[in-house]
C-alpha atoms as a PDB file:
ATOM      1  CA  MET A   1     -26.666 -33.151  14.961  1.00  0.00           C
ATOM      2  CA  TRP A   2     -25.612 -29.503  14.565  1.00  0.00           C
ATOM      3  CA  LYS A   3     -24.558 -30.166  10.974  1.00  0.00           C
ATOM      4  CA  GLU A   4     -27.939 -31.703  10.146  1.00  0.00           C
ATOM      5  CA  PHE A   5     -29.766 -28.778  11.753  1.00  0.00           C
ATOM      6  CA  LYS A   6     -27.640 -26.297   9.817  1.00  0.00           C
ATOM      7  CA  GLN A   7     -28.440 -28.113   6.558  1.00  0.00           C
ATOM      8  CA  PHE A   8     -32.135 -28.061   7.414  1.00  0.00           C
ATOM      9  CA  ALA A   9     -32.193 -24.414   8.463  1.00  0.00           C
ATOM     10  CA  LEU A  10     -30.340 -23.211   5.382  1.00  0.00           C
ATOM     11  CA  ARG A  11     -32.479 -25.063   2.854  1.00  0.00           C
ATOM     12  CA  GLY A  12     -34.395 -22.825   0.501  1.00  0.00           C
ATOM     13  CA  ASN A  13     -37.855 -23.787   1.725  1.00  0.00           C
ATOM     14  CA  VAL A  14     -37.163 -22.822   5.329  1.00  0.00           C
ATOM     15  CA  ILE A  15     -35.724 -19.445   4.375  1.00  0.00           C
ATOM     16  CA  GLU A  16     -38.638 -18.774   2.006  1.00  0.00           C
ATOM     17  CA  LEU A  17     -41.074 -19.699   4.768  1.00  0.00           C
ATOM     18  CA  ALA A  18     -39.363 -17.319   7.196  1.00  0.00           C
ATOM     19  CA  ILE A  19     -39.566 -14.496   4.665  1.00  0.00           C
ATOM     20  CA  ALA A  20     -43.240 -15.277   4.007  1.00  0.00           C
ATOM     21  CA  VAL A  21     -44.022 -15.109   7.738  1.00  0.00           C
ATOM     22  CA  ILE A  22     -42.297 -11.728   8.066  1.00  0.00           C
ATOM     23  CA  ILE A  23     -44.067 -10.307   5.015  1.00  0.00           C
ATOM     24  CA  GLY A  24     -47.374 -11.799   6.207  1.00  0.00           C
ATOM     25  CA  THR A  25     -46.985 -10.116   9.578  1.00  0.00           C
ATOM     26  CA  ALA A  26     -46.320  -6.747   7.967  1.00  0.00           C
ATOM     27  CA  PHE A  27     -49.231  -7.229   5.555  1.00  0.00           C
ATOM     28  CA  SER A  28     -51.467  -8.137   8.485  1.00  0.00           C
ATOM     29  CA  LYS A  29     -50.728  -4.763  10.104  1.00  0.00           C
ATOM     30  CA  ILE A  30     -51.742  -2.962   6.919  1.00  0.00           C
ATOM     31  CA  VAL A  31     -55.000  -4.897   6.619  1.00  0.00           C
ATOM     32  CA  ASP A  32     -55.753  -4.434  10.348  1.00  0.00           C
ATOM     33  CA  SER A  33     -55.363  -0.688   9.925  1.00  0.00           C
ATOM     34  CA  LEU A  34     -57.595  -0.733   6.851  1.00  0.00           C
ATOM     35  CA  VAL A  35     -60.296  -2.589   8.753  1.00  0.00           C
ATOM     36  CA  ASN A  36     -60.044  -0.789  12.108  1.00  0.00           C
ATOM     37  CA  ASP A  37     -59.323   2.745  10.956  1.00  0.00           C
ATOM     38  CA  ILE A  38     -61.241   3.036   7.690  1.00  0.00           C
ATOM     39  CA  LEU A  39     -63.864   0.359   7.123  1.00  0.00           C
ATOM     40  CA  ALA A  40     -65.113  -0.269  10.680  1.00  0.00           C
ATOM     41  CA  PRO A  41     -66.059   3.396  11.287  1.00  0.00           C
ATOM     42  CA  VAL A  42     -67.939   3.505   7.969  1.00  0.00           C
ATOM     43  CA  LEU A  43     -69.789   0.289   8.792  1.00  0.00           C
ATOM     44  CA  GLY A  44     -70.519   1.687  12.244  1.00  0.00           C
ATOM     45  CA  LEU A  45     -72.092   4.760  10.703  1.00  0.00           C
ATOM     46  CA  LEU A  46     -74.235   2.553   8.488  1.00  0.00           C
ATOM     47  CA  ALA A  47     -75.253   0.540  11.572  1.00  0.00           C
ATOM     48  CA  GLY A  48     -76.667   3.582  13.301  1.00  0.00           C
ATOM     49  CA  GLY A  49     -73.644   5.539  14.434  1.00  0.00           C
ATOM     50  CA  THR A  50     -72.088   2.934  16.704  1.00  0.00           C
ATOM     51  CA  SER A  51     -69.272   0.494  16.297  1.00  0.00           C
ATOM     52  CA  LEU A  52     -70.417  -2.971  15.366  1.00  0.00           C
ATOM     53  CA  LYS A  53     -68.389  -4.336  18.287  1.00  0.00           C
ATOM     54  CA  PHE A  54     -70.764  -2.748  20.762  1.00  0.00           C
ATOM     55  CA  LEU A  55     -73.991  -4.231  19.396  1.00  0.00           C
ATOM     56  CA  VAL A  56     -75.376  -6.600  22.035  1.00  0.00           C
ATOM     57  CA  ILE A  57     -78.527  -8.421  23.035  1.00  0.00           C
ATOM     58  CA  ASN A  58     -79.245  -8.749  26.746  1.00  0.00           C
ATOM     59  CA  ILE A  59     -81.408 -11.771  27.623  1.00  0.00           C
ATOM     60  CA  ASP A  60     -82.073 -12.333  31.337  1.00  0.00           C
ATOM     61  CA  GLY A  61     -78.715 -10.865  32.318  1.00  0.00           C
ATOM     62  CA  THR A  62     -76.802 -12.809  29.660  1.00  0.00           C
ATOM     63  CA  VAL A  63     -75.063 -10.542  27.189  1.00  0.00           C
ATOM     64  CA  ILE A  64     -74.776 -11.825  23.632  1.00  0.00           C
ATOM     65  CA  ARG A  65     -72.192  -9.772  21.766  1.00  0.00           C
ATOM     66  CA  TYR A  66     -73.327 -10.416  18.213  1.00  0.00           C
ATOM     67  CA  GLY A  67     -71.675  -7.203  17.031  1.00  0.00           C
ATOM     68  CA  ALA A  68     -68.222  -8.515  17.936  1.00  0.00           C
ATOM     69  CA  PHE A  69     -68.989 -11.648  15.933  1.00  0.00           C
ATOM     70  CA  LEU A  70     -70.143  -9.580  12.952  1.00  0.00           C
ATOM     71  CA  GLN A  71     -67.010  -7.426  13.153  1.00  0.00           C
ATOM     72  CA  SER A  72     -64.757 -10.501  13.297  1.00  0.00           C
ATOM     73  CA  THR A  73     -66.563 -12.010  10.305  1.00  0.00           C
ATOM     74  CA  ILE A  74     -66.192  -8.807   8.297  1.00  0.00           C
ATOM     75  CA  ASP A  75     -62.522  -8.590   9.316  1.00  0.00           C
ATOM     76  CA  PHE A  76     -61.954 -12.147   8.097  1.00  0.00           C
ATOM     77  CA  LEU A  77     -63.650 -11.504   4.756  1.00  0.00           C
ATOM     78  CA  ILE A  78     -61.646  -8.337   4.165  1.00  0.00           C
ATOM     79  CA  ILE A  79     -58.376 -10.040   5.118  1.00  0.00           C
ATOM     80  CA  ALA A  80     -59.135 -13.072   2.935  1.00  0.00           C
ATOM     81  CA  PHE A  81     -60.047 -10.846  -0.018  1.00  0.00           C
ATOM     82  CA  SER A  82     -56.928  -8.706   0.484  1.00  0.00           C
ATOM     83  CA  ILE A  83     -54.702 -11.777   0.504  1.00  0.00           C
ATOM     84  CA  TYR A  84     -56.476 -13.076  -2.608  1.00  0.00           C
ATOM     85  CA  ILE A  85     -55.826  -9.784  -4.429  1.00  0.00           C
ATOM     86  CA  PHE A  86     -52.219  -9.704  -3.216  1.00  0.00           C
ATOM     87  CA  ILE A  87     -51.587 -13.246  -4.498  1.00  0.00           C
ATOM     88  CA  LYS A  88     -53.298 -12.531  -7.841  1.00  0.00           C
ATOM     89  CA  ILE A  89     -50.974  -9.558  -8.362  1.00  0.00           C
ATOM     90  CA  PHE A  90     -47.953 -11.812  -8.030  1.00  0.00           C
END
């Protein structure tokens, strides 16, 4: 059983996948910083000087945090576009 596991673990695809996960994690930190530290403040200024995360609607005591949803959607689009550009480069 150990021999089979060693063969599996040392195959090229598994090692490539491990490297891709590590690089993806590091790339994620870069994109998170881009979104949180650069783009989100600019979008907040355009939205009236507040962070999009804090935009809410209060209906009969129920708080709907639509700003957090908008911020998550923008984050996703930026991350997806960044990954697309990164893949096109390679």
